[in-house]
Amino acid sequence: MKLKVIDPPREFKAGASIIIKDCAQIELQPDEQVTFLTEAGAEYDVARKIWGYYATPSLNGRLKSNGFKTALTKNTVSGRFFVMLVEDSKQDLFTKYLIAENIILLEWLDERK
């Protein structure tokens, strides 16, 4: 793994009113993984394979057990689709974000049979 910290972070506007700070770049080799942690200790993994990436752990397994719901959404302005991970305890904040950013929830992927 190679890690490049961006200091100061590059800032850019995303959506209607959000400023994102690009803080680091990580280069993984096949079969390497990085784990991201929330303040509460919930984990989110990204794993590199020779063919590409596992962008998320299992939607109805590891993500769910770490307190995440997986949403398929669409930005109604750009027409772009996004997969978003929502902390169970922050679904009300997620709903407010969707409204503010003109995004619709298409489906909770972790609830799909």
PDB file of N, CA and C in Angstrom:
ATOM      1  N   MET A   1       0.828  -1.169   0.000  1.00  0.00           N
ATOM      2  CA  MET A   1       0.000   0.000   0.000  1.00  0.00           C
ATOM      3  C   MET A   1       0.880   1.243   0.000  1.00  0.00           C
ATOM      4  N   LYS A   2       0.462   2.241  -0.781  1.00  0.00           N
ATOM      5  CA  LYS A   2       1.118   3.542  -0.766  1.00  0.00           C
ATOM      6  C   LYS A   2       0.109   4.576  -0.312  1.00  0.00           C
ATOM      7  N   LEU A   3       0.511   5.425   0.637  1.00  0.00           N
ATOM      8  CA  LEU A   3      -0.349   6.474   1.169  1.00  0.00           C
ATOM      9  C   LEU A   3       0.276   7.832   0.891  1.00  0.00           C
ATOM     10  N   LYS A   4      -0.498   8.722   0.296  1.00  0.00           N
ATOM     11  CA  LYS A   4      -0.055  10.095   0.059  1.00  0.00           C
ATOM     12  C   LYS A   4      -1.037  11.029   0.757  1.00  0.00           C
ATOM     13  N   VAL A   5      -0.584  11.684   1.809  1.00  0.00           N
ATOM     14  CA  VAL A   5      -1.413  12.652   2.530  1.00  0.00           C
ATOM     15  C   VAL A   5      -1.395  13.966   1.756  1.00  0.00           C
ATOM     16  N   ILE A   6      -2.547  14.555   1.568  1.00  0.00           N
ATOM     17  CA  ILE A   6      -2.660  15.839   0.861  1.00  0.00           C
ATOM     18  C   ILE A   6      -2.826  16.926   1.918  1.00  0.00           C
ATOM     19  N   ASP A   7      -1.785  17.724   2.099  1.00  0.00           N
ATOM     20  CA  ASP A   7      -1.774  18.741   3.146  1.00  0.00           C
ATOM     21  C   ASP A   7      -1.258  20.058   2.580  1.00  0.00           C
ATOM     22  N   PRO A   8      -2.085  21.058   2.485  1.00  0.00           N
ATOM     23  CA  PRO A   8      -3.475  21.092   2.935  1.00  0.00           C
ATOM     24  C   PRO A   8      -4.371  20.339   1.961  1.00  0.00           C
ATOM     25  N   PRO A   9      -5.519  19.886   2.458  1.00  0.00           N
ATOM     26  CA  PRO A   9      -6.438  19.149   1.587  1.00  0.00           C
ATOM     27  C   PRO A   9      -6.946  20.025   0.441  1.00  0.00           C
ATOM     28  N   ARG A  10      -7.152  19.367  -0.706  1.00  0.00           N
ATOM     29  CA  ARG A  10      -7.785  20.037  -1.842  1.00  0.00           C
ATOM     30  C   ARG A  10      -9.273  20.129  -1.530  1.00  0.00           C
ATOM     31  N   GLU A  11      -9.870  21.298  -1.732  1.00  0.00           N
ATOM     32  CA  GLU A  11     -11.289  21.480  -1.471  1.00  0.00           C
ATOM     33  C   GLU A  11     -12.036  21.690  -2.779  1.00  0.00           C
ATOM     34  N   PHE A  12     -13.245  21.099  -2.865  1.00  0.00           N
ATOM     35  CA  PHE A  12     -14.072  21.307  -4.045  1.00  0.00           C
ATOM     36  C   PHE A  12     -15.540  21.214  -3.659  1.00  0.00           C
ATOM     37  N   LYS A  13     -16.376  21.864  -4.457  1.00  0.00           N
ATOM     38  CA  LYS A  13     -17.813  21.865  -4.213  1.00  0.00           C
ATOM     39  C   LYS A  13     -18.422  20.602  -4.809  1.00  0.00           C
ATOM     40  N   ALA A  14     -19.317  19.993  -4.045  1.00  0.00           N
ATOM     41  CA  ALA A  14     -20.037  18.810  -4.501  1.00  0.00           C
ATOM     42  C   ALA A  14     -21.510  19.025  -4.195  1.00  0.00           C
ATOM     43  N   GLY A  15     -22.339  18.872  -5.190  1.00  0.00           N
ATOM     44  CA  GLY A  15     -23.764  19.076  -4.966  1.00  0.00           C
ATOM     45  C   GLY A  15     -24.104  20.538  -4.810  1.00  0.00           C
ATOM     46  N   ALA A  16     -25.232  20.789  -4.169  1.00  0.00           N
ATOM     47  CA  ALA A  16     -25.755  22.145  -4.055  1.00  0.00           C
ATOM     48  C   ALA A  16     -24.965  23.014  -3.077  1.00  0.00           C
ATOM     49  N   SER A  17     -24.495  22.414  -1.976  1.00  0.00           N
ATOM     50  CA  SER A  17     -23.902  23.272  -0.946  1.00  0.00           C
ATOM     51  C   SER A  17     -22.811  22.605  -0.127  1.00  0.00           C
ATOM     52  N   ILE A  18     -22.244  21.528  -0.601  1.00  0.00           N
ATOM     53  CA  ILE A  18     -21.273  20.757   0.176  1.00  0.00           C
ATOM     54  C   ILE A  18     -19.858  21.047  -0.314  1.00  0.00           C
ATOM     55  N   ILE A  19     -18.944  21.264   0.619  1.00  0.00           N
ATOM     56  CA  ILE A  19     -17.516  21.383   0.309  1.00  0.00           C
ATOM     57  C   ILE A  19     -16.835  20.112   0.802  1.00  0.00           C
ATOM     58  N   ILE A  20     -16.177  19.416  -0.111  1.00  0.00           N
ATOM     59  CA  ILE A  20     -15.447  18.188   0.215  1.00  0.00           C
ATOM     60  C   ILE A  20     -13.960  18.514   0.339  1.00  0.00           C
ATOM     61  N   LYS A  21     -13.311  17.893   1.312  1.00  0.00           N
ATOM     62  CA  LYS A  21     -11.868  18.034   1.493  1.00  0.00           C
ATOM     63  C   LYS A  21     -11.208  16.708   1.108  1.00  0.00           C
ATOM     64  N   ASP A  22     -10.397  16.739   0.056  1.00  0.00           N
ATOM     65  CA  ASP A  22      -9.653  15.573  -0.416  1.00  0.00           C
ATOM     66  C   ASP A  22      -8.365  15.493   0.393  1.00  0.00           C
ATOM     67  N   CYS A  23      -8.298  14.531   1.344  1.00  0.00           N
ATOM     68  CA  CYS A  23      -7.227  14.496   2.343  1.00  0.00           C
ATOM     69  C   CYS A  23      -6.085  13.533   2.047  1.00  0.00           C
ATOM     70  N   ALA A  24      -6.331  12.503   1.213  1.00  0.00           N
ATOM     71  CA  ALA A  24      -5.292  11.496   0.991  1.00  0.00           C
ATOM     72  C   ALA A  24      -5.586  10.690  -0.253  1.00  0.00           C
ATOM     73  N   GLN A  25      -4.525  10.062  -0.758  1.00  0.00           N
ATOM     74  CA  GLN A  25      -4.634   9.097  -1.843  1.00  0.00           C
ATOM     75  C   GLN A  25      -4.005   7.799  -1.361  1.00  0.00           C
ATOM     76  N   ILE A  26      -4.690   6.684  -1.615  1.00  0.00           N
ATOM     77  CA  ILE A  26      -4.199   5.370  -1.209  1.00  0.00           C
ATOM     78  C   ILE A  26      -4.124   4.495  -2.449  1.00  0.00           C
ATOM     79  N   GLU A  27      -2.963   3.907  -2.669  1.00  0.00           N
ATOM     80  CA  GLU A  27      -2.785   2.970  -3.783  1.00  0.00           C
ATOM     81  C   GLU A  27      -2.652   1.575  -3.204  1.00  0.00           C
ATOM     82  N   LEU A  28      -3.609   0.716  -3.537  1.00  0.00           N
ATOM     83  CA  LEU A  28      -3.590  -0.667  -3.056  1.00  0.00           C
ATOM     84  C   LEU A  28      -3.116  -1.603  -4.143  1.00  0.00           C
ATOM     85  N   GLN A  29      -2.428  -2.639  -3.749  1.00  0.00           N
ATOM     86  CA  GLN A  29      -2.080  -3.738  -4.632  1.00  0.00           C
ATOM     87  C   GLN A  29      -3.195  -4.781  -4.544  1.00  0.00           C
ATOM     88  N   PRO A  30      -3.294  -5.686  -5.524  1.00  0.00           N
ATOM     89  CA  PRO A  30      -4.315  -6.730  -5.434  1.00  0.00           C
ATOM     90  C   PRO A  30      -4.247  -7.479  -4.105  1.00  0.00           C
ATOM     91  N   ASP A  31      -5.429  -7.743  -3.547  1.00  0.00           N
ATOM     92  CA  ASP A  31      -5.618  -8.446  -2.279  1.00  0.00           C
ATOM     93  C   ASP A  31      -5.150  -7.651  -1.062  1.00  0.00           C
ATOM     94  N   GLU A  32      -5.103  -6.337  -1.187  1.00  0.00           N
ATOM     95  CA  GLU A  32      -4.891  -5.462  -0.033  1.00  0.00           C
ATOM     96  C   GLU A  32      -6.214  -4.765   0.277  1.00  0.00           C
ATOM     97  N   GLN A  33      -6.366  -4.381   1.536  1.00  0.00           N
ATOM     98  CA  GLN A  33      -7.603  -3.764   2.008  1.00  0.00           C
ATOM     99  C   GLN A  33      -7.288  -2.600   2.917  1.00  0.00           C
ATOM    100  N   VAL A  34      -8.149  -1.579   2.903  1.00  0.00           N
ATOM    101  CA  VAL A  34      -8.109  -0.517   3.905  1.00  0.00           C
ATOM    102  C   VAL A  34      -9.456  -0.501   4.613  1.00  0.00           C
ATOM    103  N   THR A  35      -9.425  -0.149   5.885  1.00  0.00           N
ATOM    104  CA  THR A  35     -10.632  -0.082   6.698  1.00  0.00           C
ATOM    105  C   THR A  35     -10.791   1.337   7.210  1.00  0.00           C
ATOM    106  N   PHE A  36     -11.982   1.899   7.004  1.00  0.00           N
ATOM    107  CA  PHE A  36     -12.332   3.218   7.503  1.00  0.00           C
ATOM    108  C   PHE A  36     -13.185   3.030   8.756  1.00  0.00           C
ATOM    109  N   LEU A  37     -12.988   3.896   9.751  1.00  0.00           N
ATOM    110  CA  LEU A  37     -13.704   3.793  11.018  1.00  0.00           C
ATOM    111  C   LEU A  37     -14.501   5.057  11.288  1.00  0.00           C
ATOM    112  N   THR A  38     -15.706   4.892  11.861  1.00  0.00           N
ATOM    113  CA  THR A  38     -16.462   6.041  12.352  1.00  0.00           C
ATOM    114  C   THR A  38     -16.018   6.331  13.777  1.00  0.00           C
ATOM    115  N   GLU A  39     -16.476   7.457  14.316  1.00  0.00           N
ATOM    116  CA  GLU A  39     -16.152   7.792  15.709  1.00  0.00           C
ATOM    117  C   GLU A  39     -16.654   6.719  16.668  1.00  0.00           C
ATOM    118  N   ALA A  40     -17.761   6.059  16.298  1.00  0.00           N
ATOM    119  CA  ALA A  40     -18.355   5.020  17.150  1.00  0.00           C
ATOM    120  C   ALA A  40     -17.678   3.666  16.968  1.00  0.00           C
ATOM    121  N   GLY A  41     -16.736   3.552  16.031  1.00  0.00           N
ATOM    122  CA  GLY A  41     -16.016   2.309  15.828  1.00  0.00           C
ATOM    123  C   GLY A  41     -16.574   1.406  14.731  1.00  0.00           C
ATOM    124  N   ALA A  42     -17.609   1.861  14.016  1.00  0.00           N
ATOM    125  CA  ALA A  42     -18.135   1.066  12.902  1.00  0.00           C
ATOM    126  C   ALA A  42     -17.092   1.037  11.789  1.00  0.00           C
ATOM    127  N   GLU A  43     -17.027  -0.097  11.090  1.00  0.00           N
ATOM    128  CA  GLU A  43     -15.988  -0.307  10.074  1.00  0.00           C
ATOM    129  C   GLU A  43     -16.565  -0.370   8.669  1.00  0.00           C
ATOM    130  N   TYR A  44     -15.796   0.154   7.715  1.00  0.00           N
ATOM    131  CA  TYR A  44     -16.132   0.093   6.290  1.00  0.00           C
ATOM    132  C   TYR A  44     -14.853  -0.252   5.544  1.00  0.00           C
ATOM    133  N   ASP A  45     -14.873  -1.349   4.784  1.00  0.00           N
ATOM    134  CA  ASP A  45     -13.674  -1.849   4.102  1.00  0.00           C
ATOM    135  C   ASP A  45     -13.759  -1.631   2.599  1.00  0.00           C
ATOM    136  N   VAL A  46     -12.609  -1.376   1.997  1.00  0.00           N
ATOM    137  CA  VAL A  46     -12.445  -1.390   0.538  1.00  0.00           C
ATOM    138  C   VAL A  46     -11.296  -2.344   0.255  1.00  0.00           C
ATOM    139  N   ALA A  47     -11.538  -3.311  -0.623  1.00  0.00           N
ATOM    140  CA  ALA A  47     -10.514  -4.315  -0.934  1.00  0.00           C
ATOM    141  C   ALA A  47     -10.208  -4.297  -2.426  1.00  0.00           C
ATOM    142  N   ARG A  48      -8.921  -4.328  -2.760  1.00  0.00           N
ATOM    143  CA  ARG A  48      -8.479  -4.364  -4.155  1.00  0.00           C
ATOM    144  C   ARG A  48      -8.316  -5.814  -4.585  1.00  0.00           C
ATOM    145  N   LYS A  49      -8.768  -6.114  -5.762  1.00  0.00           N
ATOM    146  CA  LYS A  49      -8.575  -7.420  -6.377  1.00  0.00           C
ATOM    147  C   LYS A  49      -7.835  -7.207  -7.696  1.00  0.00           C
ATOM    148  N   ILE A  50      -7.358  -8.260  -8.304  1.00  0.00           N
ATOM    149  CA  ILE A  50      -6.632  -8.145  -9.566  1.00  0.00           C
ATOM    150  C   ILE A  50      -7.543  -7.596 -10.673  1.00  0.00           C
ATOM    151  N   TRP A  51      -8.869  -7.797 -10.548  1.00  0.00           N
ATOM    152  CA  TRP A  51      -9.840  -7.375 -11.553  1.00  0.00           C
ATOM    153  C   TRP A  51     -10.484  -6.021 -11.248  1.00  0.00           C
ATOM    154  N   GLY A  52     -10.205  -5.447 -10.064  1.00  0.00           N
ATOM    155  CA  GLY A  52     -10.819  -4.172  -9.671  1.00  0.00           C
ATOM    156  C   GLY A  52     -10.930  -4.066  -8.164  1.00  0.00           C
ATOM    157  N   TYR A  53     -12.113  -3.701  -7.649  1.00  0.00           N
ATOM    158  CA  TYR A  53     -12.320  -3.478  -6.214  1.00  0.00           C
ATOM    159  C   TYR A  53     -13.624  -4.094  -5.728  1.00  0.00           C
ATOM    160  N   TYR A  54     -13.611  -4.554  -4.504  1.00  0.00           N
ATOM    161  CA  TYR A  54     -14.831  -4.707  -3.736  1.00  0.00           C
ATOM    162  C   TYR A  54     -15.055  -3.319  -3.134  1.00  0.00           C
ATOM    163  N   ALA A  55     -16.028  -2.591  -3.651  1.00  0.00           N
ATOM    164  CA  ALA A  55     -16.262  -1.220  -3.194  1.00  0.00           C
ATOM    165  C   ALA A  55     -16.889  -1.172  -1.815  1.00  0.00           C
ATOM    166  N   THR A  56     -17.572  -2.248  -1.434  1.00  0.00           N
ATOM    167  CA  THR A  56     -18.160  -2.331  -0.093  1.00  0.00           C
ATOM    168  C   THR A  56     -18.063  -3.769   0.400  1.00  0.00           C
ATOM    169  N   PRO A  57     -18.112  -3.942   1.710  1.00  0.00           N
ATOM    170  CA  PRO A  57     -18.318  -5.285   2.240  1.00  0.00           C
ATOM    171  C   PRO A  57     -19.737  -5.742   1.877  1.00  0.00           C
ATOM    172  N   SER A  58     -20.114  -6.947   2.258  1.00  0.00           N
ATOM    173  CA  SER A  58     -21.454  -7.447   1.942  1.00  0.00           C
ATOM    174  C   SER A  58     -22.516  -6.499   2.508  1.00  0.00           C
ATOM    175  N   LEU A  59     -23.492  -6.158   1.663  1.00  0.00           N
ATOM    176  CA  LEU A  59     -24.508  -5.168   2.024  1.00  0.00           C
ATOM    177  C   LEU A  59     -25.402  -5.642   3.158  1.00  0.00           C
ATOM    178  N   ASN A  60     -25.777  -6.922   3.116  1.00  0.00           N
ATOM    179  CA  ASN A  60     -26.700  -7.441   4.121  1.00  0.00           C
ATOM    180  C   ASN A  60     -25.990  -8.284   5.183  1.00  0.00           C
ATOM    181  N   GLY A  61     -24.670  -8.204   5.221  1.00  0.00           N
ATOM    182  CA  GLY A  61     -23.869  -8.940   6.195  1.00  0.00           C
ATOM    183  C   GLY A  61     -23.010  -7.994   7.013  1.00  0.00           C
ATOM    184  N   ARG A  62     -21.763  -7.814   6.567  1.00  0.00           N
ATOM    185  CA  ARG A  62     -20.792  -7.013   7.337  1.00  0.00           C
ATOM    186  C   ARG A  62     -21.223  -5.555   7.501  1.00  0.00           C
ATOM    187  N   LEU A  63     -21.729  -4.912   6.429  1.00  0.00           N
ATOM    188  CA  LEU A  63     -22.165  -3.519   6.571  1.00  0.00           C
ATOM    189  C   LEU A  63     -23.302  -3.406   7.579  1.00  0.00           C
ATOM    190  N   LYS A  64     -24.279  -4.291   7.432  1.00  0.00           N
ATOM    191  CA  LYS A  64     -25.433  -4.269   8.321  1.00  0.00           C
ATOM    192  C   LYS A  64     -25.001  -4.499   9.768  1.00  0.00           C
ATOM    193  N   SER A  65     -24.089  -5.443   9.997  1.00  0.00           N
ATOM    194  CA  SER A  65     -23.639  -5.724  11.363  1.00  0.00           C
ATOM    195  C   SER A  65     -22.821  -4.574  11.949  1.00  0.00           C
ATOM    196  N   ASN A  66     -22.301  -3.687  11.085  1.00  0.00           N
ATOM    197  CA  ASN A  66     -21.584  -2.508  11.552  1.00  0.00           C
ATOM    198  C   ASN A  66     -22.497  -1.284  11.642  1.00  0.00           C
ATOM    199  N   GLY A  67     -23.806  -1.484  11.466  1.00  0.00           N
ATOM    200  CA  GLY A  67     -24.758  -0.398  11.665  1.00  0.00           C
ATOM    201  C   GLY A  67     -24.970   0.496  10.463  1.00  0.00           C
ATOM    202  N   PHE A  68     -24.716  -0.035   9.255  1.00  0.00           N
ATOM    203  CA  PHE A  68     -24.926   0.747   8.041  1.00  0.00           C
ATOM    204  C   PHE A  68     -26.091   0.181   7.229  1.00  0.00           C
ATOM    205  N   LYS A  69     -26.871   1.078   6.625  1.00  0.00           N
ATOM    206  CA  LYS A  69     -27.843   0.723   5.602  1.00  0.00           C
ATOM    207  C   LYS A  69     -27.253   1.184   4.276  1.00  0.00           C
ATOM    208  N   THR A  70     -27.572   0.464   3.204  1.00  0.00           N
ATOM    209  CA  THR A  70     -27.008   0.760   1.892  1.00  0.00           C
ATOM    210  C   THR A  70     -28.107   1.272   0.981  1.00  0.00           C
ATOM    211  N   ALA A  71     -27.948   2.520   0.510  1.00  0.00           N
ATOM    212  CA  ALA A  71     -28.963   3.178  -0.297  1.00  0.00           C
ATOM    213  C   ALA A  71     -28.490   3.343  -1.740  1.00  0.00           C
ATOM    214  N   LEU A  72     -29.370   3.017  -2.683  1.00  0.00           N
ATOM    215  CA  LEU A  72     -29.159   3.372  -4.083  1.00  0.00           C
ATOM    216  C   LEU A  72     -29.947   4.649  -4.314  1.00  0.00           C
ATOM    217  N   THR A  73     -29.261   5.706  -4.774  1.00  0.00           N
ATOM    218  CA  THR A  73     -29.888   7.011  -4.925  1.00  0.00           C
ATOM    219  C   THR A  73     -29.635   7.577  -6.316  1.00  0.00           C
ATOM    220  N   LYS A  74     -30.420   8.610  -6.658  1.00  0.00           N
ATOM    221  CA  LYS A  74     -30.240   9.304  -7.929  1.00  0.00           C
ATOM    222  C   LYS A  74     -30.342  10.805  -7.690  1.00  0.00           C
ATOM    223  N   ASN A  75     -29.351  11.524  -8.190  1.00  0.00           N
ATOM    224  CA  ASN A  75     -29.395  12.978  -8.151  1.00  0.00           C
ATOM    225  C   ASN A  75     -30.312  13.435  -9.279  1.00  0.00           C
ATOM    226  N   THR A  76     -31.390  14.126  -8.949  1.00  0.00           N
ATOM    227  CA  THR A  76     -32.381  14.509  -9.959  1.00  0.00           C
ATOM    228  C   THR A  76     -31.906  15.636 -10.856  1.00  0.00           C
ATOM    229  N   VAL A  77     -30.883  16.362 -10.461  1.00  0.00           N
ATOM    230  CA  VAL A  77     -30.342  17.444 -11.288  1.00  0.00           C
ATOM    231  C   VAL A  77     -29.370  16.886 -12.328  1.00  0.00           C
ATOM    232  N   SER A  78     -28.408  16.079 -11.871  1.00  0.00           N
ATOM    233  CA  SER A  78     -27.375  15.558 -12.778  1.00  0.00           C
ATOM    234  C   SER A  78     -27.779  14.250 -13.453  1.00  0.00           C
ATOM    235  N   GLY A  79     -28.740  13.540 -12.864  1.00  0.00           N
ATOM    236  CA  GLY A  79     -29.124  12.230 -13.376  1.00  0.00           C
ATOM    237  C   GLY A  79     -28.162  11.126 -12.986  1.00  0.00           C
ATOM    238  N   ARG A  80     -27.208  11.414 -12.121  1.00  0.00           N
ATOM    239  CA  ARG A  80     -26.212  10.422 -11.711  1.00  0.00           C
ATOM    240  C   ARG A  80     -26.714   9.569 -10.557  1.00  0.00           C
ATOM    241  N   PHE A  81     -26.264   8.318 -10.539  1.00  0.00           N
ATOM    242  CA  PHE A  81     -26.632   7.366  -9.499  1.00  0.00           C
ATOM    243  C   PHE A  81     -25.488   7.232  -8.496  1.00  0.00           C
ATOM    244  N   PHE A  82     -25.846   7.006  -7.224  1.00  0.00           N
ATOM    245  CA  PHE A  82     -24.855   6.853  -6.163  1.00  0.00           C
ATOM    246  C   PHE A  82     -25.270   5.735  -5.217  1.00  0.00           C
ATOM    247  N   VAL A  83     -24.285   5.022  -4.693  1.00  0.00           N
ATOM    248  CA  VAL A  83     -24.504   4.091  -3.596  1.00  0.00           C
ATOM    249  C   VAL A  83     -24.002   4.796  -2.347  1.00  0.00           C
ATOM    250  N   MET A  84     -24.875   4.919  -1.352  1.00  0.00           N
ATOM    251  CA  MET A  84     -24.533   5.635  -0.123  1.00  0.00           C
ATOM    252  C   MET A  84     -24.706   4.709   1.068  1.00  0.00           C
ATOM    253  N   LEU A  85     -23.813   4.818   2.023  1.00  0.00           N
ATOM    254  CA  LEU A  85     -23.890   4.049   3.262  1.00  0.00           C
ATOM    255  C   LEU A  85     -24.368   4.984   4.361  1.00  0.00           C
ATOM    256  N   VAL A  86     -25.438   4.596   5.036  1.00  0.00           N
ATOM    257  CA  VAL A  86     -26.082   5.453   6.026  1.00  0.00           C
ATOM    258  C   VAL A  86     -25.996   4.787   7.391  1.00  0.00           C
ATOM    259  N   GLU A  87     -25.476   5.514   8.374  1.00  0.00           N
ATOM    260  CA  GLU A  87     -25.451   4.980   9.729  1.00  0.00           C
ATOM    261  C   GLU A  87     -26.888   4.862  10.219  1.00  0.00           C
ATOM    262  N   ASP A  88     -27.225   3.703  10.805  1.00  0.00           N
ATOM    263  CA  ASP A  88     -28.591   3.447  11.273  1.00  0.00           C
ATOM    264  C   ASP A  88     -29.139   4.595  12.107  1.00  0.00           C
ATOM    265  N   SER A  89     -28.319   5.120  12.986  1.00  0.00           N
ATOM    266  CA  SER A  89     -28.778   6.155  13.919  1.00  0.00           C
ATOM    267  C   SER A  89     -28.883   7.535  13.270  1.00  0.00           C
ATOM    268  N   LYS A  90     -28.500   7.661  12.000  1.00  0.00           N
ATOM    269  CA  LYS A  90     -28.493   8.976  11.347  1.00  0.00           C
ATOM    270  C   LYS A  90     -29.389   9.027  10.113  1.00  0.00           C
ATOM    271  N   GLN A  91     -30.414   8.183  10.079  1.00  0.00           N
ATOM    272  CA  GLN A  91     -31.300   8.159   8.919  1.00  0.00           C
ATOM    273  C   GLN A  91     -32.083   9.458   8.763  1.00  0.00           C
ATOM    274  N   ASP A  92     -32.404  10.133   9.868  1.00  0.00           N
ATOM    275  CA  ASP A  92     -33.105  11.416   9.767  1.00  0.00           C
ATOM    276  C   ASP A  92     -32.221  12.475   9.111  1.00  0.00           C
ATOM    277  N   LEU A  93     -30.939  12.479   9.439  1.00  0.00           N
ATOM    278  CA  LEU A  93     -29.997  13.411   8.800  1.00  0.00           C
ATOM    279  C   LEU A  93     -29.840  13.088   7.320  1.00  0.00           C
ATOM    280  N   PHE A  94     -29.846  11.807   6.986  1.00  0.00           N
ATOM    281  CA  PHE A  94     -29.753  11.372   5.599  1.00  0.00           C
ATOM    282  C   PHE A  94     -30.957  11.870   4.800  1.00  0.00           C
ATOM    283  N   THR A  95     -32.150  11.750   5.359  1.00  0.00           N
ATOM    284  CA  THR A  95     -33.355  12.222   4.680  1.00  0.00           C
ATOM    285  C   THR A  95     -33.278  13.723   4.417  1.00  0.00           C
ATOM    286  N   LYS A  96     -32.820  14.489   5.382  1.00  0.00           N
ATOM    287  CA  LYS A  96     -32.666  15.942   5.203  1.00  0.00           C
ATOM    288  C   LYS A  96     -31.647  16.249   4.110  1.00  0.00           C
ATOM    289  N   TYR A  97     -30.558  15.488   4.071  1.00  0.00           N
ATOM    290  CA  TYR A  97     -29.526  15.663   3.045  1.00  0.00           C
ATOM    291  C   TYR A  97     -30.105  15.402   1.656  1.00  0.00           C
ATOM    292  N   LEU A  98     -30.862  14.333   1.513  1.00  0.00           N
ATOM    293  CA  LEU A  98     -31.466  14.013   0.214  1.00  0.00           C
ATOM    294  C   LEU A  98     -32.333  15.164  -0.279  1.00  0.00           C
ATOM    295  N   ILE A  99     -33.139  15.705   0.595  1.00  0.00           N
ATOM    296  CA  ILE A  99     -34.014  16.816   0.217  1.00  0.00           C
ATOM    297  C   ILE A  99     -33.193  18.034  -0.184  1.00  0.00           C
ATOM    298  N   ALA A 100     -32.199  18.389   0.613  1.00  0.00           N
ATOM    299  CA  ALA A 100     -31.379  19.582   0.352  1.00  0.00           C
ATOM    300  C   ALA A 100     -30.589  19.477  -0.945  1.00  0.00           C
ATOM    301  N   GLU A 101     -30.197  18.252  -1.317  1.00  0.00           N
ATOM    302  CA  GLU A 101     -29.333  18.062  -2.484  1.00  0.00           C
ATOM    303  C   GLU A 101     -30.085  17.554  -3.726  1.00  0.00           C
ATOM    304  N   ASN A 102     -31.408  17.537  -3.674  1.00  0.00           N
ATOM    305  CA  ASN A 102     -32.222  17.075  -4.810  1.00  0.00           C
ATOM    306  C   ASN A 102     -31.884  15.640  -5.221  1.00  0.00           C
ATOM    307  N   ILE A 103     -31.824  14.769  -4.225  1.00  0.00           N
ATOM    308  CA  ILE A 103     -31.499  13.356  -4.438  1.00  0.00           C
ATOM    309  C   ILE A 103     -32.703  12.529  -4.004  1.00  0.00           C
ATOM    310  N   ILE A 104     -32.997  11.495  -4.780  1.00  0.00           N
ATOM    311  CA  ILE A 104     -34.084  10.601  -4.398  1.00  0.00           C
ATOM    312  C   ILE A 104     -33.528   9.231  -4.022  1.00  0.00           C
ATOM    313  N   LEU A 105     -34.170   8.618  -3.044  1.00  0.00           N
ATOM    314  CA  LEU A 105     -33.829   7.258  -2.633  1.00  0.00           C
ATOM    315  C   LEU A 105     -34.562   6.303  -3.553  1.00  0.00           C
ATOM    316  N   LEU A 106     -33.829   5.488  -4.293  1.00  0.00           N
ATOM    317  CA  LEU A 106     -34.441   4.508  -5.178  1.00  0.00           C
ATOM    318  C   LEU A 106     -34.725   3.193  -4.464  1.00  0.00           C
ATOM    319  N   GLU A 107     -33.778   2.778  -3.611  1.00  0.00           N
ATOM    320  CA  GLU A 107     -33.945   1.484  -2.951  1.00  0.00           C
ATOM    321  C   GLU A 107     -32.925   1.332  -1.830  1.00  0.00           C
ATOM    322  N   TRP A 108     -33.353   0.661  -0.745  1.00  0.00           N
ATOM    323  CA  TRP A 108     -32.426   0.215   0.287  1.00  0.00           C
ATOM    324  C   TRP A 108     -31.903  -1.128  -0.189  1.00  0.00           C
ATOM    325  N   LEU A 109     -30.662  -1.188  -0.632  1.00  0.00           N
ATOM    326  CA  LEU A 109     -30.105  -2.409  -1.221  1.00  0.00           C
ATOM    327  C   LEU A 109     -29.941  -3.528  -0.190  1.00  0.00           C
ATOM    328  N   ASP A 110     -29.725  -3.176   1.067  1.00  0.00           N
ATOM    329  CA  ASP A 110     -29.560  -4.207   2.107  1.00  0.00           C
ATOM    330  C   ASP A 110     -30.883  -4.887   2.460  1.00  0.00           C
ATOM    331  N   GLU A 111     -32.006  -4.346   1.978  1.00  0.00           N
ATOM    332  CA  GLU A 111     -33.304  -4.949   2.252  1.00  0.00           C
ATOM    333  C   GLU A 111     -33.806  -5.808   1.087  1.00  0.00           C
ATOM    334  N   ARG A 112     -33.066  -5.802  -0.013  1.00  0.00           N
ATOM    335  CA  ARG A 112     -33.470  -6.559  -1.203  1.00  0.00           C
ATOM    336  C   ARG A 112     -33.418  -8.046  -0.907  1.00  0.00           C
ATOM    337  N   LYS A 113     -34.428  -8.758  -1.368  1.00  0.00           N
ATOM    338  CA  LYS A 113     -34.500 -10.212  -1.147  1.00  0.00           C
ATOM    339  C   LYS A 113     -33.732 -10.954  -2.233  1.00  0.00           C
TER     340      LYS A 113
END
